[in-house]
Amino acid sequence: MEKLVESSGIVIYKAGNKLHISKSSSTGTSTFLFVLALLAIILLANGVLQLTVFKDQLPDSEKLGYILMGIGIIFFFIFLLVWKQHKKQAARPLQLLHSICIVDIENNMLLDSQLKMLAPINKAYITRKMQITSSSPELLLCWNGGTLSLAKGNPFSGGIASLEKVLVANGIKRK
């Protein structure tokens, strides 16, 4: 088994002549980690500014500086705990991930997670769909009579370009 790509909560790995497209268990933590890191940096920076630059300009700037730094340190420790959990989830064995679909390259078939045929590979294609809630598009796998959402793009965890690249390199057309 060889992991080809991991992005936006999706893992594509190859086992024999089959591409497995699976959901990672750490889908939402990338955005949460970004927000925690941003809050920690902003609070720590403002705390340092209150203790250094503004210490003589505001009457309670020293107290405010220590409070902001304390809250910033709390956010930093929460960030470290979530990051540790994120790494632990990302290290799970590939076969334990929730399967979305399987591309059987040898038999030219697109299979669902229960190994039922969805379409021939040459009839399937990938396309992007705009998401109202994100700056990253959603990646769809389409065929005559069906559509499957592969990934809701997330700019904080890599977007969908690398997923598209692997799928196209393995015979799925882009539309």
N, C-alpha and C. Protein backbone atom coordinates (compact mmCIF):
# COMPACT_ATOMS: atom_id res chain seq x y z
N MET A 1 0.83 -1.18 0.00
CA MET A 1 0.00 0.00 0.00
C MET A 1 0.88 1.24 0.00
N GLU A 2 0.53 2.17 -0.87
CA GLU A 2 1.32 3.39 -1.00
C GLU A 2 0.40 4.61 -0.97
N LYS A 3 0.64 5.50 0.00
CA LYS A 3 -0.13 6.74 0.07
C LYS A 3 0.36 7.67 -1.03
N LEU A 4 -0.57 8.11 -1.89
CA LEU A 4 -0.21 9.00 -2.99
C LEU A 4 -0.39 10.46 -2.63
N VAL A 5 -1.46 10.77 -1.93
CA VAL A 5 -1.72 12.17 -1.58
C VAL A 5 -2.71 12.22 -0.40
N GLU A 6 -2.57 13.28 0.39
CA GLU A 6 -3.52 13.57 1.47
C GLU A 6 -3.77 15.05 1.47
N SER A 7 -5.03 15.44 1.29
CA SER A 7 -5.37 16.85 1.22
C SER A 7 -6.86 17.04 1.50
N SER A 8 -7.21 18.13 2.16
CA SER A 8 -8.60 18.49 2.46
C SER A 8 -9.40 17.34 3.08
N GLY A 9 -8.76 16.58 3.94
CA GLY A 9 -9.45 15.50 4.63
C GLY A 9 -9.64 14.24 3.80
N ILE A 10 -8.99 14.15 2.65
CA ILE A 10 -9.10 13.00 1.77
C ILE A 10 -7.73 12.38 1.59
N VAL A 11 -7.68 11.05 1.60
CA VAL A 11 -6.44 10.31 1.37
C VAL A 11 -6.66 9.43 0.14
N ILE A 12 -5.72 9.49 -0.80
CA ILE A 12 -5.75 8.58 -1.95
C ILE A 12 -4.52 7.69 -1.82
N TYR A 13 -4.78 6.38 -1.78
CA TYR A 13 -3.66 5.44 -1.71
C TYR A 13 -3.87 4.32 -2.72
N LYS A 14 -2.78 3.72 -3.10
CA LYS A 14 -2.81 2.67 -4.11
C LYS A 14 -2.51 1.34 -3.45
N ALA A 15 -3.36 0.36 -3.72
CA ALA A 15 -3.16 -1.00 -3.24
C ALA A 15 -3.31 -1.91 -4.46
N GLY A 16 -2.22 -2.44 -4.94
CA GLY A 16 -2.25 -3.23 -6.17
C GLY A 16 -2.58 -2.34 -7.34
N ASN A 17 -3.61 -2.71 -8.11
CA ASN A 17 -4.06 -1.91 -9.26
C ASN A 17 -5.31 -1.11 -8.93
N LYS A 18 -5.52 -0.82 -7.66
CA LYS A 18 -6.70 -0.07 -7.25
C LYS A 18 -6.29 1.19 -6.50
N LEU A 19 -6.98 2.27 -6.84
CA LEU A 19 -6.83 3.53 -6.10
C LEU A 19 -7.97 3.61 -5.10
N HIS A 20 -7.65 3.77 -3.84
CA HIS A 20 -8.65 3.90 -2.80
C HIS A 20 -8.75 5.38 -2.43
N ILE A 21 -9.96 5.92 -2.52
CA ILE A 21 -10.21 7.31 -2.14
C ILE A 21 -10.97 7.24 -0.82
N SER A 22 -10.34 7.73 0.24
CA SER A 22 -10.90 7.58 1.59
C SER A 22 -10.91 8.91 2.32
N LYS A 23 -11.80 8.98 3.31
CA LYS A 23 -11.87 10.16 4.18
C LYS A 23 -10.92 9.97 5.34
N SER A 24 -10.15 11.01 5.61
CA SER A 24 -9.28 11.01 6.78
C SER A 24 -10.12 11.35 8.00
N SER A 25 -9.73 10.87 9.15
CA SER A 25 -10.51 11.14 10.36
C SER A 25 -10.25 12.54 10.93
N SER A 26 -9.27 13.24 10.38
CA SER A 26 -8.92 14.56 10.91
C SER A 26 -9.37 15.67 9.97
N THR A 27 -10.61 15.61 9.53
CA THR A 27 -11.11 16.52 8.50
C THR A 27 -11.15 17.99 8.95
N GLY A 28 -11.72 18.30 10.09
CA GLY A 28 -11.93 19.69 10.48
C GLY A 28 -10.84 20.31 11.32
N THR A 29 -9.84 19.56 11.71
CA THR A 29 -8.87 20.10 12.66
C THR A 29 -7.90 21.10 12.03
N SER A 30 -7.72 21.09 10.73
CA SER A 30 -6.78 22.04 10.10
C SER A 30 -7.23 23.48 10.30
N THR A 31 -8.51 23.74 10.08
CA THR A 31 -9.04 25.09 10.27
C THR A 31 -8.98 25.48 11.75
N PHE A 32 -9.32 24.54 12.62
CA PHE A 32 -9.28 24.79 14.06
C PHE A 32 -7.85 25.11 14.51
N LEU A 33 -6.88 24.36 14.00
CA LEU A 33 -5.47 24.62 14.33
C LEU A 33 -5.04 26.01 13.86
N PHE A 34 -5.46 26.39 12.66
CA PHE A 34 -5.12 27.71 12.14
C PHE A 34 -5.68 28.81 13.04
N VAL A 35 -6.94 28.68 13.43
CA VAL A 35 -7.58 29.69 14.28
C VAL A 35 -6.90 29.76 15.64
N LEU A 36 -6.59 28.60 16.24
CA LEU A 36 -5.91 28.59 17.54
C LEU A 36 -4.54 29.25 17.46
N ALA A 37 -3.77 28.94 16.42
CA ALA A 37 -2.44 29.54 16.26
C ALA A 37 -2.55 31.04 16.06
N LEU A 38 -3.51 31.46 15.26
CA LEU A 38 -3.70 32.89 15.01
C LEU A 38 -4.06 33.63 16.30
N LEU A 39 -4.98 33.07 17.07
CA LEU A 39 -5.36 33.69 18.35
C LEU A 39 -4.18 33.75 19.32
N ALA A 40 -3.43 32.67 19.40
CA ALA A 40 -2.27 32.64 20.31
C ALA A 40 -1.26 33.72 19.91
N ILE A 41 -0.96 33.84 18.64
CA ILE A 41 0.02 34.83 18.17
C ILE A 41 -0.46 36.24 18.42
N ILE A 42 -1.73 36.51 18.11
CA ILE A 42 -2.27 37.86 18.30
C ILE A 42 -2.26 38.24 19.78
N LEU A 43 -2.72 37.33 20.64
CA LEU A 43 -2.78 37.63 22.08
C LEU A 43 -1.38 37.79 22.68
N LEU A 44 -0.47 36.91 22.31
CA LEU A 44 0.90 37.03 22.82
C LEU A 44 1.57 38.32 22.35
N ALA A 45 1.38 38.65 21.08
CA ALA A 45 1.99 39.88 20.54
C ALA A 45 1.42 41.11 21.23
N ASN A 46 0.11 41.14 21.42
CA ASN A 46 -0.50 42.28 22.11
C ASN A 46 -0.07 42.35 23.57
N GLY A 47 0.11 41.21 24.21
CA GLY A 47 0.60 41.20 25.59
C GLY A 47 2.01 41.77 25.68
N VAL A 48 2.88 41.38 24.76
CA VAL A 48 4.25 41.90 24.74
C VAL A 48 4.23 43.41 24.46
N LEU A 49 3.38 43.84 23.54
CA LEU A 49 3.28 45.28 23.25
C LEU A 49 2.83 46.07 24.48
N GLN A 50 1.85 45.53 25.22
CA GLN A 50 1.38 46.21 26.43
C GLN A 50 2.48 46.31 27.48
N LEU A 51 3.33 45.29 27.57
CA LEU A 51 4.39 45.29 28.58
C LEU A 51 5.60 46.12 28.16
N THR A 52 5.76 46.38 26.90
CA THR A 52 6.96 47.11 26.44
C THR A 52 6.63 48.48 25.89
N VAL A 53 5.92 48.53 24.81
CA VAL A 53 5.69 49.80 24.11
C VAL A 53 4.70 50.69 24.85
N PHE A 54 3.60 50.13 25.32
CA PHE A 54 2.53 50.94 25.91
C PHE A 54 2.57 51.00 27.44
N LYS A 55 3.65 50.54 28.05
CA LYS A 55 3.66 50.45 29.52
C LYS A 55 3.53 51.81 30.20
N ASP A 56 4.01 52.87 29.57
CA ASP A 56 3.92 54.20 30.18
C ASP A 56 2.74 55.02 29.68
N GLN A 57 2.07 54.54 28.65
CA GLN A 57 0.99 55.32 28.03
C GLN A 57 -0.39 54.99 28.59
N LEU A 58 -0.57 53.78 29.08
CA LEU A 58 -1.86 53.38 29.63
C LEU A 58 -1.69 53.04 31.11
N PRO A 59 -2.68 53.40 31.95
CA PRO A 59 -2.52 53.19 33.39
C PRO A 59 -2.43 51.72 33.80
N ASP A 60 -3.18 50.84 33.19
CA ASP A 60 -3.18 49.43 33.58
C ASP A 60 -2.58 48.53 32.50
N SER A 61 -1.65 49.07 31.75
CA SER A 61 -1.12 48.29 30.62
C SER A 61 -0.32 47.07 31.09
N GLU A 62 0.31 47.15 32.27
CA GLU A 62 1.08 46.01 32.75
C GLU A 62 0.15 44.84 33.07
N LYS A 63 -0.95 45.11 33.78
CA LYS A 63 -1.93 44.06 34.09
C LYS A 63 -2.53 43.48 32.80
N LEU A 64 -2.90 44.38 31.90
CA LEU A 64 -3.47 43.95 30.63
C LEU A 64 -2.48 43.11 29.83
N GLY A 65 -1.23 43.49 29.85
CA GLY A 65 -0.19 42.73 29.15
C GLY A 65 -0.05 41.32 29.69
N TYR A 66 -0.03 41.18 31.02
CA TYR A 66 0.07 39.85 31.61
C TYR A 66 -1.18 39.00 31.34
N ILE A 67 -2.34 39.64 31.39
CA ILE A 67 -3.58 38.91 31.10
C ILE A 67 -3.58 38.41 29.65
N LEU A 68 -3.24 39.29 28.71
CA LEU A 68 -3.21 38.90 27.29
C LEU A 68 -2.18 37.80 27.04
N MET A 69 -1.01 37.91 27.65
CA MET A 69 0.00 36.87 27.48
C MET A 69 -0.47 35.55 28.09
N GLY A 70 -1.12 35.59 29.23
CA GLY A 70 -1.63 34.37 29.86
C GLY A 70 -2.67 33.68 28.99
N ILE A 71 -3.59 34.46 28.44
CA ILE A 71 -4.61 33.88 27.55
C ILE A 71 -3.95 33.35 26.28
N GLY A 72 -2.96 34.07 25.77
CA GLY A 72 -2.23 33.61 24.58
C GLY A 72 -1.52 32.29 24.83
N ILE A 73 -0.92 32.15 26.00
CA ILE A 73 -0.23 30.90 26.35
C ILE A 73 -1.24 29.76 26.48
N ILE A 74 -2.42 30.04 27.03
CA ILE A 74 -3.47 29.01 27.12
C ILE A 74 -3.86 28.54 25.72
N PHE A 75 -4.08 29.50 24.80
CA PHE A 75 -4.43 29.14 23.42
C PHE A 75 -3.29 28.34 22.76
N PHE A 76 -2.05 28.69 23.07
CA PHE A 76 -0.92 27.96 22.51
C PHE A 76 -0.89 26.51 23.00
N PHE A 77 -1.16 26.30 24.29
CA PHE A 77 -1.19 24.93 24.81
C PHE A 77 -2.36 24.12 24.24
N ILE A 78 -3.51 24.77 24.05
CA ILE A 78 -4.63 24.09 23.40
C ILE A 78 -4.24 23.72 21.97
N PHE A 79 -3.55 24.65 21.27
CA PHE A 79 -3.06 24.37 19.92
C PHE A 79 -2.17 23.12 19.93
N LEU A 80 -1.24 23.03 20.87
CA LEU A 80 -0.34 21.88 20.94
C LEU A 80 -1.09 20.57 21.18
N LEU A 81 -2.10 20.61 22.06
CA LEU A 81 -2.90 19.41 22.33
C LEU A 81 -3.68 18.96 21.08
N VAL A 82 -4.30 19.91 20.39
CA VAL A 82 -5.06 19.58 19.18
C VAL A 82 -4.12 19.09 18.08
N TRP A 83 -2.96 19.71 17.95
CA TRP A 83 -1.98 19.31 16.94
C TRP A 83 -1.49 17.88 17.19
N LYS A 84 -1.25 17.56 18.46
CA LYS A 84 -0.81 16.21 18.83
C LYS A 84 -1.90 15.19 18.45
N GLN A 85 -3.16 15.52 18.74
CA GLN A 85 -4.28 14.64 18.39
C GLN A 85 -4.41 14.51 16.87
N HIS A 86 -4.21 15.61 16.15
CA HIS A 86 -4.28 15.61 14.68
C HIS A 86 -3.22 14.68 14.10
N LYS A 87 -2.00 14.74 14.62
CA LYS A 87 -0.91 13.88 14.15
C LYS A 87 -1.21 12.41 14.47
N LYS A 88 -1.79 12.16 15.62
CA LYS A 88 -2.14 10.79 16.02
C LYS A 88 -3.19 10.21 15.07
N GLN A 89 -4.20 11.01 14.72
CA GLN A 89 -5.24 10.56 13.80
C GLN A 89 -4.68 10.35 12.40
N ALA A 90 -3.76 11.20 11.98
CA ALA A 90 -3.17 11.09 10.64
C ALA A 90 -2.28 9.86 10.50
N ALA A 91 -1.83 9.31 11.61
CA ALA A 91 -0.95 8.14 11.58
C ALA A 91 -1.71 6.82 11.55
N ARG A 92 -3.04 6.88 11.53
CA ARG A 92 -3.84 5.64 11.50
C ARG A 92 -3.54 4.85 10.24
N PRO A 93 -3.63 3.52 10.29
CA PRO A 93 -3.42 2.70 9.09
C PRO A 93 -4.42 3.06 7.99
N LEU A 94 -3.96 3.04 6.75
CA LEU A 94 -4.79 3.46 5.62
C LEU A 94 -6.06 2.63 5.47
N GLN A 95 -5.97 1.33 5.69
CA GLN A 95 -7.13 0.47 5.49
C GLN A 95 -8.23 0.70 6.52
N LEU A 96 -7.95 1.42 7.60
CA LEU A 96 -8.97 1.73 8.61
C LEU A 96 -9.77 3.00 8.29
N LEU A 97 -9.37 3.73 7.26
CA LEU A 97 -10.07 4.95 6.88
C LEU A 97 -11.39 4.62 6.20
N HIS A 98 -12.35 5.53 6.29
CA HIS A 98 -13.67 5.36 5.67
C HIS A 98 -13.55 5.54 4.16
N SER A 99 -13.89 4.51 3.39
CA SER A 99 -13.76 4.54 1.94
C SER A 99 -14.90 5.33 1.29
N ILE A 100 -14.55 6.16 0.32
CA ILE A 100 -15.55 6.88 -0.47
C ILE A 100 -15.82 6.09 -1.76
N CYS A 101 -14.75 5.74 -2.46
CA CYS A 101 -14.87 4.93 -3.67
C CYS A 101 -13.51 4.33 -4.01
N ILE A 102 -13.53 3.43 -4.98
CA ILE A 102 -12.32 2.73 -5.41
C ILE A 102 -12.25 2.80 -6.93
N VAL A 103 -11.09 3.13 -7.45
CA VAL A 103 -10.87 3.14 -8.89
C VAL A 103 -10.07 1.89 -9.21
N ASP A 104 -10.72 0.93 -9.88
CA ASP A 104 -10.07 -0.32 -10.27
C ASP A 104 -9.47 -0.10 -11.66
N ILE A 105 -8.17 0.21 -11.70
CA ILE A 105 -7.50 0.56 -12.94
C ILE A 105 -7.41 -0.65 -13.88
N GLU A 106 -7.13 -1.81 -13.33
CA GLU A 106 -6.95 -3.02 -14.14
C GLU A 106 -8.24 -3.40 -14.87
N ASN A 107 -9.39 -3.31 -14.20
CA ASN A 107 -10.67 -3.70 -14.80
C ASN A 107 -11.45 -2.52 -15.36
N ASN A 108 -10.86 -1.31 -15.35
CA ASN A 108 -11.48 -0.10 -15.89
C ASN A 108 -12.85 0.17 -15.27
N MET A 109 -12.92 0.09 -13.91
CA MET A 109 -14.19 0.29 -13.23
C MET A 109 -14.05 1.27 -12.06
N LEU A 110 -15.12 2.01 -11.86
CA LEU A 110 -15.26 2.86 -10.68
C LEU A 110 -16.20 2.14 -9.74
N LEU A 111 -15.75 1.85 -8.53
CA LEU A 111 -16.52 1.08 -7.56
C LEU A 111 -16.87 1.93 -6.35
N ASP A 112 -18.02 1.63 -5.74
CA ASP A 112 -18.35 2.33 -4.49
C ASP A 112 -17.64 1.63 -3.34
N SER A 113 -17.90 2.05 -2.12
CA SER A 113 -17.19 1.48 -0.97
C SER A 113 -17.56 0.02 -0.69
N GLN A 114 -18.71 -0.46 -1.23
CA GLN A 114 -19.12 -1.86 -1.08
C GLN A 114 -18.73 -2.69 -2.30
N LEU A 115 -17.86 -2.13 -3.16
CA LEU A 115 -17.34 -2.79 -4.36
C LEU A 115 -18.40 -3.03 -5.43
N LYS A 116 -19.47 -2.23 -5.43
CA LYS A 116 -20.47 -2.28 -6.50
C LYS A 116 -20.03 -1.33 -7.60
N MET A 117 -20.20 -1.75 -8.85
CA MET A 117 -19.77 -0.93 -9.98
C MET A 117 -20.65 0.31 -10.12
N LEU A 118 -20.01 1.48 -10.22
CA LEU A 118 -20.72 2.73 -10.45
C LEU A 118 -20.69 3.10 -11.92
N ALA A 119 -19.50 2.95 -12.54
CA ALA A 119 -19.34 3.33 -13.96
C ALA A 119 -17.99 2.85 -14.46
N PRO A 120 -17.84 2.73 -15.78
CA PRO A 120 -16.51 2.48 -16.32
C PRO A 120 -15.65 3.74 -16.12
N ILE A 121 -14.36 3.56 -15.94
CA ILE A 121 -13.47 4.71 -15.71
C ILE A 121 -13.52 5.68 -16.88
N ASN A 122 -13.60 5.17 -18.11
CA ASN A 122 -13.60 6.07 -19.27
C ASN A 122 -14.89 6.89 -19.39
N LYS A 123 -15.91 6.58 -18.60
CA LYS A 123 -17.15 7.38 -18.58
C LYS A 123 -17.18 8.35 -17.39
N ALA A 124 -16.21 8.23 -16.51
CA ALA A 124 -16.17 9.08 -15.31
C ALA A 124 -15.24 10.27 -15.56
N TYR A 125 -15.55 11.37 -14.89
CA TYR A 125 -14.70 12.56 -14.97
C TYR A 125 -14.81 13.34 -13.65
N ILE A 126 -13.78 14.16 -13.40
CA ILE A 126 -13.81 15.01 -12.21
C ILE A 126 -14.08 16.44 -12.63
N THR A 127 -14.74 17.15 -11.76
CA THR A 127 -15.04 18.55 -12.01
C THR A 127 -15.03 19.30 -10.67
N ARG A 128 -14.92 20.61 -10.78
CA ARG A 128 -14.94 21.46 -9.59
C ARG A 128 -16.29 22.16 -9.48
N LYS A 129 -16.72 22.37 -8.25
CA LYS A 129 -17.96 23.08 -7.99
C LYS A 129 -17.68 24.13 -6.92
N MET A 130 -18.13 25.35 -7.16
CA MET A 130 -17.90 26.44 -6.21
C MET A 130 -18.65 26.16 -4.91
N GLN A 131 -17.99 26.47 -3.80
CA GLN A 131 -18.62 26.37 -2.48
C GLN A 131 -18.89 27.78 -1.97
N ILE A 132 -20.07 28.02 -1.52
CA ILE A 132 -20.42 29.33 -0.99
C ILE A 132 -19.63 29.63 0.28
N THR A 133 -19.35 28.60 1.08
CA THR A 133 -18.75 28.79 2.40
C THR A 133 -17.23 28.73 2.41
N SER A 134 -16.59 28.58 1.24
CA SER A 134 -15.14 28.44 1.23
C SER A 134 -14.55 29.07 -0.02
N SER A 135 -13.29 29.45 0.07
CA SER A 135 -12.60 29.97 -1.11
C SER A 135 -12.07 28.84 -1.97
N SER A 136 -12.12 27.61 -1.47
CA SER A 136 -11.68 26.43 -2.21
C SER A 136 -12.89 25.72 -2.80
N PRO A 137 -12.79 25.23 -4.04
CA PRO A 137 -13.94 24.53 -4.63
C PRO A 137 -14.08 23.10 -4.11
N GLU A 138 -15.23 22.51 -4.38
CA GLU A 138 -15.50 21.11 -4.05
C GLU A 138 -15.10 20.26 -5.26
N LEU A 139 -14.55 19.09 -5.01
CA LEU A 139 -14.15 18.18 -6.09
C LEU A 139 -15.22 17.09 -6.22
N LEU A 140 -15.79 16.99 -7.42
CA LEU A 140 -16.84 16.02 -7.70
C LEU A 140 -16.36 14.99 -8.70
N LEU A 141 -16.79 13.77 -8.52
CA LEU A 141 -16.55 12.70 -9.48
C LEU A 141 -17.91 12.41 -10.12
N CYS A 142 -18.00 12.59 -11.43
CA CYS A 142 -19.27 12.47 -12.14
C CYS A 142 -19.21 11.38 -13.20
N TRP A 143 -20.34 10.80 -13.52
CA TRP A 143 -20.50 9.84 -14.60
C TRP A 143 -21.95 9.92 -15.02
N ASN A 144 -22.30 9.27 -16.13
CA ASN A 144 -23.68 9.29 -16.60
C ASN A 144 -24.59 8.69 -15.54
N GLY A 145 -25.45 9.52 -15.01
CA GLY A 145 -26.40 9.04 -14.01
C GLY A 145 -25.95 9.16 -12.57
N GLY A 146 -24.82 9.78 -12.30
CA GLY A 146 -24.41 9.89 -10.91
C GLY A 146 -23.32 10.90 -10.65
N THR A 147 -23.24 11.32 -9.42
CA THR A 147 -22.22 12.26 -8.96
C THR A 147 -21.84 11.87 -7.54
N LEU A 148 -20.56 11.99 -7.25
CA LEU A 148 -20.04 11.66 -5.93
C LEU A 148 -19.13 12.80 -5.48
N SER A 149 -19.39 13.35 -4.30
CA SER A 149 -18.53 14.39 -3.76
C SER A 149 -17.30 13.74 -3.15
N LEU A 150 -16.13 14.04 -3.72
CA LEU A 150 -14.89 13.47 -3.21
C LEU A 150 -14.31 14.31 -2.08
N ALA A 151 -14.27 15.64 -2.28
CA ALA A 151 -13.64 16.49 -1.27
C ALA A 151 -14.24 17.88 -1.28
N LYS A 152 -14.52 18.39 -0.12
CA LYS A 152 -14.88 19.79 0.02
C LYS A 152 -13.57 20.51 0.31
N GLY A 153 -13.10 21.25 -0.68
CA GLY A 153 -11.79 21.88 -0.56
C GLY A 153 -11.66 22.75 0.67
N ASN A 154 -10.50 22.69 1.29
CA ASN A 154 -10.20 23.49 2.47
C ASN A 154 -8.82 24.13 2.27
N PRO A 155 -8.77 25.46 2.18
CA PRO A 155 -7.47 26.10 1.94
C PRO A 155 -6.46 25.90 3.07
N PHE A 156 -6.93 25.55 4.27
CA PHE A 156 -6.03 25.35 5.40
C PHE A 156 -5.43 23.95 5.44
N SER A 157 -5.96 23.05 4.60
CA SER A 157 -5.40 21.70 4.56
C SER A 157 -5.05 21.25 3.15
N GLY A 158 -4.71 22.19 2.29
CA GLY A 158 -4.14 21.83 0.99
C GLY A 158 -5.01 21.99 -0.23
N GLY A 159 -6.30 22.26 -0.10
CA GLY A 159 -7.14 22.41 -1.28
C GLY A 159 -7.35 21.08 -2.00
N ILE A 160 -7.72 21.17 -3.30
CA ILE A 160 -8.03 19.95 -4.04
C ILE A 160 -7.10 19.71 -5.24
N ALA A 161 -6.19 20.61 -5.52
CA ALA A 161 -5.34 20.50 -6.71
C ALA A 161 -4.51 19.22 -6.71
N SER A 162 -3.94 18.85 -5.58
CA SER A 162 -3.11 17.64 -5.53
C SER A 162 -3.96 16.37 -5.71
N LEU A 163 -5.19 16.39 -5.22
CA LEU A 163 -6.10 15.26 -5.43
C LEU A 163 -6.42 15.11 -6.92
N GLU A 164 -6.73 16.23 -7.54
CA GLU A 164 -7.02 16.25 -8.99
C GLU A 164 -5.85 15.70 -9.79
N LYS A 165 -4.66 16.13 -9.45
CA LYS A 165 -3.46 15.72 -10.17
C LYS A 165 -3.27 14.21 -10.13
N VAL A 166 -3.46 13.60 -8.96
CA VAL A 166 -3.30 12.15 -8.82
C VAL A 166 -4.38 11.41 -9.60
N LEU A 167 -5.62 11.89 -9.54
CA LEU A 167 -6.71 11.23 -10.26
C LEU A 167 -6.50 11.31 -11.78
N VAL A 168 -6.10 12.47 -12.28
CA VAL A 168 -5.85 12.63 -13.71
C VAL A 168 -4.68 11.74 -14.14
N ALA A 169 -3.65 11.66 -13.33
CA ALA A 169 -2.48 10.82 -13.66
C ALA A 169 -2.84 9.33 -13.69
N ASN A 170 -3.96 8.97 -13.05
CA ASN A 170 -4.39 7.58 -13.02
C ASN A 170 -5.61 7.30 -13.90
N GLY A 171 -5.86 8.16 -14.88
CA GLY A 171 -6.85 7.85 -15.90
C GLY A 171 -8.21 8.49 -15.78
N ILE A 172 -8.46 9.30 -14.76
CA ILE A 172 -9.76 9.98 -14.64
C ILE A 172 -9.64 11.31 -15.38
N LYS A 173 -10.59 11.56 -16.29
CA LYS A 173 -10.56 12.81 -17.06
C LYS A 173 -11.03 13.98 -16.21
N ARG A 174 -10.59 15.17 -16.60
CA ARG A 174 -11.02 16.40 -15.95
C ARG A 174 -11.94 17.12 -16.91
N LYS A 175 -13.00 17.67 -16.40
CA LYS A 175 -13.92 18.42 -17.26
C LYS A 175 -13.95 19.87 -16.85
